[in-house]
Each structure stands twice: as structure tokens, then as C-alpha cells.
PDB file of all heavy atoms in Angstrom:
ATOM      1  N   LYS A   1     -29.151 168.083  62.537  1.00  0.00           N
ATOM      2  CA  LYS A   1     -28.374 166.846  62.374  1.00  0.00           C
ATOM      3  C   LYS A   1     -28.627 166.133  61.060  1.00  0.00           C
ATOM      4  O   LYS A   1     -28.150 165.116  60.781  1.00  0.00           O
ATOM      5  CB  LYS A   1     -28.752 165.874  63.545  1.00  0.00           C
ATOM      6  CG  LYS A   1     -28.393 166.455  64.896  1.00  0.00           C
ATOM      7  CD  LYS A   1     -28.863 165.595  66.069  1.00  0.00           C
ATOM      8  CE  LYS A   1     -28.576 166.296  67.367  1.00  0.00           C
ATOM      9  NZ  LYS A   1     -28.993 165.506  68.541  1.00  0.00           N
ATOM     10  N   ASN A   2     -29.254 166.913  60.105  1.00  0.00           N
ATOM     11  CA  ASN A   2     -29.616 166.384  58.831  1.00  0.00           C
ATOM     12  C   ASN A   2     -29.109 167.347  57.729  1.00  0.00           C
ATOM     13  O   ASN A   2     -29.652 168.390  57.501  1.00  0.00           O
ATOM     14  CB  ASN A   2     -31.143 166.221  58.680  1.00  0.00           C
ATOM     15  CG  ASN A   2     -31.566 165.627  57.380  1.00  0.00           C
ATOM     16  OD1 ASN A   2     -30.989 165.906  56.309  1.00  0.00           O
ATOM     17  ND2 ASN A   2     -32.606 164.800  57.455  1.00  0.00           N
ATOM     18  N   ILE A   3     -27.992 166.929  57.065  1.00  0.00           N
ATOM     19  CA  ILE A   3     -27.379 167.845  56.099  1.00  0.00           C
ATOM     20  C   ILE A   3     -28.294 168.232  54.977  1.00  0.00           C
ATOM     21  O   ILE A   3     -28.285 169.405  54.517  1.00  0.00           O
ATOM     22  CB  ILE A   3     -26.007 167.261  55.625  1.00  0.00           C
ATOM     23  CG1 ILE A   3     -25.257 168.344  54.891  1.00  0.00           C
ATOM     24  CG2 ILE A   3     -26.245 166.066  54.733  1.00  0.00           C
ATOM     25  CD1 ILE A   3     -23.753 167.963  54.706  1.00  0.00           C
ATOM     26  N   MET A   4     -29.047 167.296  54.459  1.00  0.00           N
ATOM     27  CA  MET A   4     -29.954 167.619  53.302  1.00  0.00           C
ATOM     28  C   MET A   4     -31.009 168.662  53.724  1.00  0.00           C
ATOM     29  O   MET A   4     -31.345 169.541  52.999  1.00  0.00           O
ATOM     30  CB  MET A   4     -30.586 166.371  52.703  1.00  0.00           C
ATOM     31  CG  MET A   4     -29.579 165.521  52.031  1.00  0.00           C
ATOM     32  SD  MET A   4     -28.685 166.301  50.702  1.00  0.00           S
ATOM     33  CE  MET A   4     -29.987 166.753  49.568  1.00  0.00           C
ATOM     34  N   ALA A   5     -31.530 168.452  54.904  1.00  0.00           N
ATOM     35  CA  ALA A   5     -32.553 169.438  55.429  1.00  0.00           C
ATOM     36  C   ALA A   5     -31.967 170.830  55.548  1.00  0.00           C
ATOM     37  O   ALA A   5     -32.610 171.811  55.209  1.00  0.00           O
ATOM     38  CB  ALA A   5     -33.154 168.919  56.765  1.00  0.00           C
ATOM     39  N   LEU A   6     -30.719 170.895  56.029  1.00  0.00           N
ATOM     40  CA  LEU A   6     -30.074 172.199  56.153  1.00  0.00           C
ATOM     41  C   LEU A   6     -29.839 172.858  54.826  1.00  0.00           C
ATOM     42  O   LEU A   6     -30.131 174.099  54.669  1.00  0.00           O
ATOM     43  CB  LEU A   6     -28.726 172.017  56.843  1.00  0.00           C
ATOM     44  CG  LEU A   6     -28.774 171.585  58.322  1.00  0.00           C
ATOM     45  CD1 LEU A   6     -27.333 171.291  58.804  1.00  0.00           C
ATOM     46  CD2 LEU A   6     -29.339 172.793  59.149  1.00  0.00           C
ATOM     47  N   LEU A   7     -29.462 172.104  53.858  1.00  0.00           N
ATOM     48  CA  LEU A   7     -29.269 172.736  52.459  1.00  0.00           C
ATOM     49  C   LEU A   7     -30.554 173.222  51.882  1.00  0.00           C
ATOM     50  O   LEU A   7     -30.595 174.201  51.185  1.00  0.00           O
ATOM     51  CB  LEU A   7     -28.627 171.699  51.552  1.00  0.00           C
ATOM     52  CG  LEU A   7     -27.172 171.301  51.912  1.00  0.00           C
ATOM     53  CD1 LEU A   7     -26.643 170.145  51.026  1.00  0.00           C
ATOM     54  CD2 LEU A   7     -26.273 172.514  51.787  1.00  0.00           C
ATOM     55  N   LEU A   8     -31.684 172.560  52.255  1.00  0.00           N
ATOM     56  CA  LEU A   8     -33.011 173.025  51.741  1.00  0.00           C
ATOM     57  C   LEU A   8     -33.524 174.270  52.422  1.00  0.00           C
ATOM     58  O   LEU A   8     -34.481 174.835  51.934  1.00  0.00           O
ATOM     59  CB  LEU A   8     -34.027 171.840  51.882  1.00  0.00           C
ATOM     60  CG  LEU A   8     -33.770 170.636  50.947  1.00  0.00           C
ATOM     61  CD1 LEU A   8     -34.709 169.497  51.300  1.00  0.00           C
ATOM     62  CD2 LEU A   8     -33.943 171.039  49.490  1.00  0.00           C
ATOM     63  N   LEU A   9     -32.846 174.717  53.421  1.00  0.00           N
ATOM     64  CA  LEU A   9     -33.183 176.012  54.056  1.00  0.00           C
ATOM     65  C   LEU A   9     -32.967 177.212  53.129  1.00  0.00           C
ATOM     66  O   LEU A   9     -33.568 178.231  53.300  1.00  0.00           O
ATOM     67  CB  LEU A   9     -32.405 176.208  55.338  1.00  0.00           C
ATOM     68  CG  LEU A   9     -32.803 175.460  56.589  1.00  0.00           C
ATOM     69  CD1 LEU A   9     -31.853 175.767  57.741  1.00  0.00           C
ATOM     70  CD2 LEU A   9     -34.246 175.768  56.985  1.00  0.00           C
ATOM     71  N   GLU A  10     -32.033 176.981  52.197  1.00  0.00           N
ATOM     72  CA  GLU A  10     -31.645 178.063  51.235  1.00  0.00           C
ATOM     73  C   GLU A  10     -31.352 179.372  51.971  1.00  0.00           C
ATOM     74  O   GLU A  10     -31.866 180.392  51.637  1.00  0.00           O
ATOM     75  CB  GLU A  10     -32.771 178.286  50.210  1.00  0.00           C
ATOM     76  CG  GLU A  10     -33.036 177.049  49.391  1.00  0.00           C
ATOM     77  CD  GLU A  10     -34.172 177.164  48.465  1.00  0.00           C
ATOM     78  OE1 GLU A  10     -34.951 178.149  48.558  1.00  0.00           O
ATOM     79  OE2 GLU A  10     -34.323 176.346  47.592  1.00  0.00           O
ATOM     80  N   ALA A  11     -30.438 179.295  52.974  1.00  0.00           N
ATOM     81  CA  ALA A  11     -30.123 180.466  53.779  1.00  0.00           C
ATOM     82  C   ALA A  11     -28.917 181.161  53.156  1.00  0.00           C
ATOM     83  O   ALA A  11     -27.755 180.825  53.383  1.00  0.00           O
ATOM     84  CB  ALA A  11     -29.738 179.989  55.215  1.00  0.00           C
ATOM     85  N   SER A  12     -29.211 182.160  52.401  1.00  0.00           N
ATOM     86  CA  SER A  12     -28.147 182.927  51.726  1.00  0.00           C
ATOM     87  C   SER A  12     -27.602 183.995  52.618  1.00  0.00           C
ATOM     88  O   SER A  12     -28.149 184.249  53.742  1.00  0.00           O
ATOM     89  CB  SER A  12     -28.709 183.564  50.428  1.00  0.00           C
ATOM     90  OG  SER A  12     -29.827 184.382  50.666  1.00  0.00           O
ATOM     91  N   GLU A  13     -26.583 184.687  52.222  1.00  0.00           N
ATOM     92  CA  GLU A  13     -25.981 185.739  53.018  1.00  0.00           C
ATOM     93  C   GLU A  13     -27.012 186.814  53.418  1.00  0.00           C
ATOM     94  O   GLU A  13     -27.838 187.201  52.532  1.00  0.00           O
ATOM     95  CB  GLU A  13     -24.787 186.409  52.210  1.00  0.00           C
ATOM     96  CG  GLU A  13     -24.121 187.503  53.035  1.00  0.00           C
ATOM     97  CD  GLU A  13     -23.065 188.236  52.287  1.00  0.00           C
ATOM     98  OE1 GLU A  13     -23.053 188.160  51.009  1.00  0.00           O
ATOM     99  OE2 GLU A  13     -22.176 188.850  52.885  1.00  0.00           O
ATOM    100  N   GLY A  14     -27.022 187.212  54.634  1.00  0.00           N
ATOM    101  CA  GLY A  14     -27.956 188.192  55.072  1.00  0.00           C
ATOM    102  C   GLY A  14     -29.193 187.715  55.716  1.00  0.00           C
ATOM    103  O   GLY A  14     -29.916 188.393  56.419  1.00  0.00           O
ATOM    104  N   LYS A  15     -29.524 186.409  55.469  1.00  0.00           N
ATOM    105  CA  LYS A  15     -30.730 185.847  56.037  1.00  0.00           C
ATOM    106  C   LYS A  15     -30.576 185.617  57.551  1.00  0.00           C
ATOM    107  O   LYS A  15     -29.474 185.437  58.112  1.00  0.00           O
ATOM    108  CB  LYS A  15     -31.016 184.454  55.429  1.00  0.00           C
ATOM    109  CG  LYS A  15     -31.306 184.510  53.919  1.00  0.00           C
ATOM    110  CD  LYS A  15     -32.746 185.064  53.767  1.00  0.00           C
ATOM    111  CE  LYS A  15     -33.090 185.032  52.270  1.00  0.00           C
ATOM    112  NZ  LYS A  15     -34.392 185.564  51.987  1.00  0.00           N
ATOM    113  N   LEU A  16     -31.695 185.683  58.249  1.00  0.00           N
ATOM    114  CA  LEU A  16     -31.704 185.435  59.713  1.00  0.00           C
ATOM    115  C   LEU A  16     -32.065 183.908  59.934  1.00  0.00           C
ATOM    116  O   LEU A  16     -33.073 183.457  59.396  1.00  0.00           O
ATOM    117  CB  LEU A  16     -32.750 186.292  60.413  1.00  0.00           C
ATOM    118  CG  LEU A  16     -32.399 187.754  60.463  1.00  0.00           C
ATOM    119  CD1 LEU A  16     -33.549 188.553  61.087  1.00  0.00           C
ATOM    120  CD2 LEU A  16     -31.116 187.947  61.296  1.00  0.00           C
ATOM    121  N   LEU A  17     -31.212 183.250  60.686  1.00  0.00           N
ATOM    122  CA  LEU A  17     -31.493 181.899  61.066  1.00  0.00           C
ATOM    123  C   LEU A  17     -31.851 181.853  62.552  1.00  0.00           C
ATOM    124  O   LEU A  17     -31.193 182.420  63.365  1.00  0.00           O
ATOM    125  CB  LEU A  17     -30.310 180.966  60.857  1.00  0.00           C
ATOM    126  CG  LEU A  17     -29.918 180.588  59.446  1.00  0.00           C
ATOM    127  CD1 LEU A  17     -28.632 179.732  59.438  1.00  0.00           C
ATOM    128  CD2 LEU A  17     -31.058 179.850  58.779  1.00  0.00           C
ATOM    129  N   THR A  18     -32.988 181.247  62.844  1.00  0.00           N
ATOM    130  CA  THR A  18     -33.391 181.068  64.207  1.00  0.00           C
ATOM    131  C   THR A  18     -32.987 179.636  64.637  1.00  0.00           C
ATOM    132  O   THR A  18     -33.314 178.692  63.940  1.00  0.00           O
ATOM    133  CB  THR A  18     -34.912 181.253  64.423  1.00  0.00           C
ATOM    134  OG1 THR A  18     -35.226 182.593  64.020  1.00  0.00           O
ATOM    135  CG2 THR A  18     -35.290 181.080  65.876  1.00  0.00           C
ATOM    136  N   VAL A  19     -32.310 179.547  65.733  1.00  0.00           N
ATOM    137  CA  VAL A  19     -31.873 178.249  66.332  1.00  0.00           C
ATOM    138  C   VAL A  19     -32.825 177.970  67.472  1.00  0.00           C
ATOM    139  O   VAL A  19     -32.973 178.750  68.369  1.00  0.00           O
ATOM    140  CB  VAL A  19     -30.393 178.281  66.747  1.00  0.00           C
ATOM    141  CG1 VAL A  19     -30.002 176.939  67.386  1.00  0.00           C
ATOM    142  CG2 VAL A  19     -29.483 178.705  65.597  1.00  0.00           C
ATOM    143  N   CYS A  20     -33.416 176.739  67.449  1.00  0.00           N
ATOM    144  CA  CYS A  20     -34.274 176.280  68.516  1.00  0.00           C
ATOM    145  C   CYS A  20     -33.664 175.017  69.097  1.00  0.00           C
ATOM    146  O   CYS A  20     -33.416 174.031  68.367  1.00  0.00           O
ATOM    147  CB  CYS A  20     -35.672 175.955  68.013  1.00  0.00           C
ATOM    148  SG  CYS A  20     -36.419 177.253  67.059  1.00  0.00           S
ATOM    149  N   THR A  21     -33.445 174.994  70.401  1.00  0.00           N
ATOM    150  CA  THR A  21     -32.879 173.784  71.045  1.00  0.00           C
ATOM    151  C   THR A  21     -33.798 173.281  72.112  1.00  0.00           C
ATOM    152  O   THR A  21     -34.545 174.112  72.761  1.00  0.00           O
ATOM    153  CB  THR A  21     -31.510 174.058  71.697  1.00  0.00           C
ATOM    154  OG1 THR A  21     -31.660 175.115  72.633  1.00  0.00           O
ATOM    155  CG2 THR A  21     -30.497 174.445  70.640  1.00  0.00           C
ATOM    156  N   ASN A  22     -33.865 171.996  72.351  1.00  0.00           N
ATOM    157  CA  ASN A  22     -34.765 171.429  73.362  1.00  0.00           C
ATOM    158  C   ASN A  22     -34.127 170.164  73.848  1.00  0.00           C
ATOM    159  O   ASN A  22     -33.856 169.267  73.099  1.00  0.00           O
ATOM    160  CB  ASN A  22     -36.137 171.160  72.777  1.00  0.00           C
ATOM    161  CG  ASN A  22     -37.168 170.806  73.832  1.00  0.00           C
ATOM    162  OD1 ASN A  22     -36.984 171.077  75.031  1.00  0.00           O
ATOM    163  ND2 ASN A  22     -38.256 170.205  73.448  1.00  0.00           N
ATOM    164  N   GLY A  23     -33.839 170.123  75.166  1.00  0.00           N
ATOM    165  CA  GLY A  23     -33.281 168.919  75.801  1.00  0.00           C
ATOM    166  C   GLY A  23     -32.362 169.278  76.938  1.00  0.00           C
ATOM    167  O   GLY A  23     -32.306 170.369  77.425  1.00  0.00           O
ATOM    168  N   VAL A  24     -31.663 168.224  77.400  1.00  0.00           N
ATOM    169  CA  VAL A  24     -30.870 168.371  78.594  1.00  0.00           C
ATOM    170  C   VAL A  24     -29.695 169.291  78.506  1.00  0.00           C
ATOM    171  O   VAL A  24     -29.256 169.935  79.490  1.00  0.00           O
ATOM    172  CB  VAL A  24     -30.350 166.932  79.085  1.00  0.00           C
ATOM    173  CG1 VAL A  24     -31.521 166.048  79.540  1.00  0.00           C
ATOM    174  CG2 VAL A  24     -29.469 166.287  78.078  1.00  0.00           C
ATOM    175  N   ASP A  25     -29.143 169.429  77.333  1.00  0.00           N
ATOM    176  CA  ASP A  25     -27.980 170.335  77.138  1.00  0.00           C
ATOM    177  C   ASP A  25     -28.352 171.508  76.146  1.00  0.00           C
ATOM    178  O   ASP A  25     -27.513 172.027  75.455  1.00  0.00           O
ATOM    179  CB  ASP A  25     -26.785 169.553  76.620  1.00  0.00           C
ATOM    180  CG  ASP A  25     -27.052 168.717  75.436  1.00  0.00           C
ATOM    181  OD1 ASP A  25     -28.211 168.662  74.931  1.00  0.00           O
ATOM    182  OD2 ASP A  25     -26.130 167.945  74.998  1.00  0.00           O
ATOM    183  N   GLU A  26     -29.607 171.912  76.227  1.00  0.00           N
ATOM    184  CA  GLU A  26     -30.142 172.940  75.241  1.00  0.00           C
ATOM    185  C   GLU A  26     -29.362 174.235  75.332  1.00  0.00           C
ATOM    186  O   GLU A  26     -29.179 174.872  74.332  1.00  0.00           O
ATOM    187  CB  GLU A  26     -31.649 173.088  75.436  1.00  0.00           C
ATOM    188  CG  GLU A  26     -32.039 173.665  76.732  1.00  0.00           C
ATOM    189  CD  GLU A  26     -33.541 173.725  76.913  1.00  0.00           C
ATOM    190  OE1 GLU A  26     -34.336 172.974  76.191  1.00  0.00           O
ATOM    191  OE2 GLU A  26     -33.955 174.475  77.779  1.00  0.00           O
ATOM    192  N   THR A  27     -29.069 174.671  76.551  1.00  0.00           N
ATOM    193  CA  THR A  27     -28.416 175.985  76.682  1.00  0.00           C
ATOM    194  C   THR A  27     -27.031 175.992  76.017  1.00  0.00           C
ATOM    195  O   THR A  27     -26.718 176.955  75.291  1.00  0.00           O
ATOM    196  CB  THR A  27     -28.286 176.306  78.218  1.00  0.00           C
ATOM    197  OG1 THR A  27     -29.600 176.340  78.761  1.00  0.00           O
ATOM    198  CG2 THR A  27     -27.635 177.707  78.367  1.00  0.00           C
ATOM    199  N   GLN A  28     -26.250 174.965  76.265  1.00  0.00           N
ATOM    200  CA  GLN A  28     -24.909 174.892  75.615  1.00  0.00           C
ATOM    201  C   GLN A  28     -25.070 174.698  74.136  1.00  0.00           C
ATOM    202  O   GLN A  28     -24.311 175.278  73.360  1.00  0.00           O
ATOM    203  CB  GLN A  28     -24.100 173.791  76.259  1.00  0.00           C
ATOM    204  CG  GLN A  28     -22.721 173.684  75.687  1.00  0.00           C
ATOM    205  CD  GLN A  28     -21.856 172.548  76.228  1.00  0.00           C
ATOM    206  OE1 GLN A  28     -22.315 171.752  77.083  1.00  0.00           O
ATOM    207  NE2 GLN A  28     -20.610 172.438  75.808  1.00  0.00           N
ATOM    208  N   ALA A  29     -25.974 173.884  73.677  1.00  0.00           N
ATOM    209  CA  ALA A  29     -26.183 173.645  72.296  1.00  0.00           C
ATOM    210  C   ALA A  29     -26.531 174.935  71.550  1.00  0.00           C
ATOM    211  O   ALA A  29     -26.006 175.262  70.490  1.00  0.00           O
ATOM    212  CB  ALA A  29     -27.261 172.580  72.089  1.00  0.00           C
ATOM    213  N   LEU A  30     -27.409 175.721  72.158  1.00  0.00           N
ATOM    214  CA  LEU A  30     -27.836 176.987  71.598  1.00  0.00           C
ATOM    215  C   LEU A  30     -26.639 177.952  71.498  1.00  0.00           C
ATOM    216  O   LEU A  30     -26.430 178.539  70.378  1.00  0.00           O
ATOM    217  CB  LEU A  30     -28.952 177.604  72.397  1.00  0.00           C
ATOM    218  CG  LEU A  30     -29.478 178.953  71.908  1.00  0.00           C
ATOM    219  CD1 LEU A  30     -30.140 178.793  70.563  1.00  0.00           C
ATOM    220  CD2 LEU A  30     -30.366 179.644  72.923  1.00  0.00           C
ATOM    221  N   ALA A  31     -25.911 178.126  72.555  1.00  0.00           N
ATOM    222  CA  ALA A  31     -24.795 179.014  72.603  1.00  0.00           C
ATOM    223  C   ALA A  31     -23.741 178.648  71.519  1.00  0.00           C
ATOM    224  O   ALA A  31     -23.260 179.495  70.800  1.00  0.00           O
ATOM    225  CB  ALA A  31     -24.127 179.027  73.958  1.00  0.00           C
ATOM    226  N   GLU A  32     -23.432 177.312  71.403  1.00  0.00           N
ATOM    227  CA  GLU A  32     -22.389 176.934  70.426  1.00  0.00           C
ATOM    228  C   GLU A  32     -22.912 176.995  68.996  1.00  0.00           C
ATOM    229  O   GLU A  32     -22.147 177.374  68.129  1.00  0.00           O
ATOM    230  CB  GLU A  32     -21.910 175.519  70.756  1.00  0.00           C
ATOM    231  CG  GLU A  32     -21.138 175.552  72.090  1.00  0.00           C
ATOM    232  CD  GLU A  32     -20.259 174.245  72.316  1.00  0.00           C
ATOM    233  OE1 GLU A  32     -19.868 173.632  71.304  1.00  0.00           O
ATOM    234  OE2 GLU A  32     -20.049 173.953  73.468  1.00  0.00           O
ATOM    235  N   MET A  33     -24.172 176.745  68.776  1.00  0.00           N
ATOM    236  CA  MET A  33     -24.725 176.832  67.405  1.00  0.00           C
ATOM    237  C   MET A  33     -24.758 178.293  66.946  1.00  0.00           C
ATOM    238  O   MET A  33     -24.370 178.638  65.823  1.00  0.00           O
ATOM    239  CB  MET A  33     -26.040 176.189  67.347  1.00  0.00           C
ATOM    240  CG  MET A  33     -26.520 175.916  65.893  1.00  0.00           C
ATOM    241  SD  MET A  33     -25.535 174.814  64.919  1.00  0.00           S
ATOM    242  CE  MET A  33     -25.614 173.307  65.823  1.00  0.00           C
ATOM    243  N   ILE A  34     -25.231 179.175  67.866  1.00  0.00           N
ATOM    244  CA  ILE A  34     -25.235 180.623  67.488  1.00  0.00           C
ATOM    245  C   ILE A  34     -23.790 181.072  67.251  1.00  0.00           C
ATOM    246  O   ILE A  34     -23.546 181.848  66.293  1.00  0.00           O
ATOM    247  CB  ILE A  34     -25.944 181.427  68.560  1.00  0.00           C
ATOM    248  CG1 ILE A  34     -27.471 181.086  68.602  1.00  0.00           C
ATOM    249  CG2 ILE A  34     -25.696 182.911  68.427  1.00  0.00           C
ATOM    250  CD1 ILE A  34     -28.201 181.592  67.432  1.00  0.00           C
ATOM    251  N   GLY A  35     -22.861 180.659  68.107  1.00  0.00           N
ATOM    252  CA  GLY A  35     -21.473 181.061  67.930  1.00  0.00           C
ATOM    253  C   GLY A  35     -20.926 180.632  66.631  1.00  0.00           C
ATOM    254  O   GLY A  35     -20.210 181.378  65.927  1.00  0.00           O
ATOM    255  N   LEU A  36     -21.277 179.444  66.149  1.00  0.00           N
ATOM    256  CA  LEU A  36     -20.793 178.954  64.884  1.00  0.00           C
ATOM    257  C   LEU A  36     -21.370 179.712  63.736  1.00  0.00           C
ATOM    258  O   LEU A  36     -20.619 180.085  62.800  1.00  0.00           O
ATOM    259  CB  LEU A  36     -21.207 177.457  64.723  1.00  0.00           C
ATOM    260  CG  LEU A  36     -20.772 176.769  63.380  1.00  0.00           C
ATOM    261  CD1 LEU A  36     -19.253 176.664  63.300  1.00  0.00           C
ATOM    262  CD2 LEU A  36     -21.395 175.394  63.252  1.00  0.00           C
ATOM    263  N   ILE A  37     -22.625 180.065  63.772  1.00  0.00           N
ATOM    264  CA  ILE A  37     -23.210 180.899  62.709  1.00  0.00           C
ATOM    265  C   ILE A  37     -22.575 182.283  62.684  1.00  0.00           C
ATOM    266  O   ILE A  37     -22.215 182.812  61.614  1.00  0.00           O
ATOM    267  CB  ILE A  37     -24.708 181.006  62.865  1.00  0.00           C
ATOM    268  CG1 ILE A  37     -25.384 179.631  62.751  1.00  0.00           C
ATOM    269  CG2 ILE A  37     -25.373 182.000  61.881  1.00  0.00           C
ATOM    270  CD1 ILE A  37     -26.825 179.487  63.198  1.00  0.00           C
ATOM    271  N   GLU A  38     -22.423 182.879  63.842  1.00  0.00           N
ATOM    272  CA  GLU A  38     -21.867 184.258  63.943  1.00  0.00           C
ATOM    273  C   GLU A  38     -20.388 184.224  63.590  1.00  0.00           C
ATOM    274  O   GLU A  38     -19.805 185.229  63.167  1.00  0.00           O
ATOM    275  CB  GLU A  38     -22.014 184.782  65.321  1.00  0.00           C
ATOM    276  CG  GLU A  38     -23.483 185.127  65.606  1.00  0.00           C
ATOM    277  CD  GLU A  38     -23.762 185.594  67.012  1.00  0.00           C
ATOM    278  OE1 GLU A  38     -22.842 185.474  67.929  1.00  0.00           O
ATOM    279  OE2 GLU A  38     -24.849 186.206  67.213  1.00  0.00           O
ATOM    280  N   ASP A  39     -19.721 183.061  63.664  1.00  0.00           N
ATOM    281  CA  ASP A  39     -18.303 182.915  63.329  1.00  0.00           C
ATOM    282  C   ASP A  39     -18.099 182.476  61.869  1.00  0.00           C
ATOM    283  O   ASP A  39     -17.146 181.822  61.560  1.00  0.00           O
ATOM    284  CB  ASP A  39     -17.604 181.947  64.306  1.00  0.00           C
ATOM    285  CG  ASP A  39     -16.126 181.913  64.140  1.00  0.00           C
ATOM    286  OD1 ASP A  39     -15.489 182.931  63.908  1.00  0.00           O
ATOM    287  OD2 ASP A  39     -15.557 180.768  64.287  1.00  0.00           O
ATOM    288  N   ASN A  40     -19.086 182.812  61.008  1.00  0.00           N
ATOM    289  CA  ASN A  40     -18.969 182.471  59.585  1.00  0.00           C
ATOM    290  C   ASN A  40     -18.829 180.976  59.351  1.00  0.00           C
ATOM    291  O   ASN A  40     -18.105 180.537  58.462  1.00  0.00           O
ATOM    292  CB  ASN A  40     -17.788 183.236  59.024  1.00  0.00           C
ATOM    293  CG  ASN A  40     -17.930 183.512  57.582  1.00  0.00           C
ATOM    294  OD1 ASN A  40     -19.076 183.671  57.022  1.00  0.00           O
ATOM    295  ND2 ASN A  40     -16.796 183.594  56.831  1.00  0.00           N
ATOM    296  N   PHE A  41     -19.479 180.163  60.196  1.00  0.00           N
ATOM    297  CA  PHE A  41     -19.454 178.698  60.112  1.00  0.00           C
ATOM    298  C   PHE A  41     -18.089 178.117  60.306  1.00  0.00           C
ATOM    299  O   PHE A  41     -17.754 177.068  59.745  1.00  0.00           O
ATOM    300  CB  PHE A  41     -20.040 178.172  58.801  1.00  0.00           C
ATOM    301  CG  PHE A  41     -21.505 178.671  58.559  1.00  0.00           C
ATOM    302  CD1 PHE A  41     -21.815 179.586  57.493  1.00  0.00           C
ATOM    303  CD2 PHE A  41     -22.519 178.253  59.435  1.00  0.00           C
ATOM    304  CE1 PHE A  41     -23.114 179.968  57.341  1.00  0.00           C
ATOM    305  CE2 PHE A  41     -23.829 178.711  59.205  1.00  0.00           C
ATOM    306  CZ  PHE A  41     -24.120 179.575  58.160  1.00  0.00           C
ATOM    307  N   GLY A  42     -17.211 178.837  61.005  1.00  0.00           N
ATOM    308  CA  GLY A  42     -15.863 178.390  61.248  1.00  0.00           C
ATOM    309  C   GLY A  42     -14.920 178.573  60.107  1.00  0.00           C
ATOM    310  O   GLY A  42     -13.821 178.110  60.129  1.00  0.00           O
ATOM    311  N   GLU A  43     -15.389 179.290  59.052  1.00  0.00           N
ATOM    312  CA  GLU A  43     -14.513 179.496  57.922  1.00  0.00           C
ATOM    313  C   GLU A  43     -13.874 180.852  58.069  1.00  0.00           C
ATOM    314  O   GLU A  43     -14.490 181.877  58.304  1.00  0.00           O
ATOM    315  CB  GLU A  43     -15.345 179.531  56.635  1.00  0.00           C
ATOM    316  CG  GLU A  43     -16.020 178.199  56.317  1.00  0.00           C
ATOM    317  CD  GLU A  43     -16.870 178.196  55.098  1.00  0.00           C
ATOM    318  OE1 GLU A  43     -16.899 179.186  54.374  1.00  0.00           O
ATOM    319  OE2 GLU A  43     -17.564 177.191  54.883  1.00  0.00           O
ATOM    320  N   THR A  44     -12.510 180.833  57.951  1.00  0.00           N
ATOM    321  CA  THR A  44     -11.726 182.107  58.188  1.00  0.00           C
ATOM    322  C   THR A  44     -11.937 183.060  56.996  1.00  0.00           C
ATOM    323  O   THR A  44     -11.942 184.269  57.180  1.00  0.00           O
ATOM    324  CB  THR A  44     -10.236 181.842  58.363  1.00  0.00           C
ATOM    325  OG1 THR A  44      -9.783 181.074  57.267  1.00  0.00           O
ATOM    326  CG2 THR A  44     -10.008 181.079  59.698  1.00  0.00           C
TER     327      THR A  44
END
């Protein structure tokens, strides 16, 4: 939820990102976030 923190990850093409979710809607949050990464961040 922090754009600056995300940019500091320096995740270039080919890097593996691990998504960790914790809370009441963690399963859906994990599925949608992984889907977004695998879908090229929604960029066609």
C-alpha cells in the first residue's frame, strides 16, 4: 500500500516476488495480487 516502498524493491524483469498476506481477506488478496503480477501488472 506504499508506492515508494514498492519502487525501492528494485524488482526487474525475471525477479521473483513473494506476496505475503495476513488478515480477514488474505486468501482473496493473495490470489488477486499474484494474478496482477502474472498478468504483467495489467499492462497489455
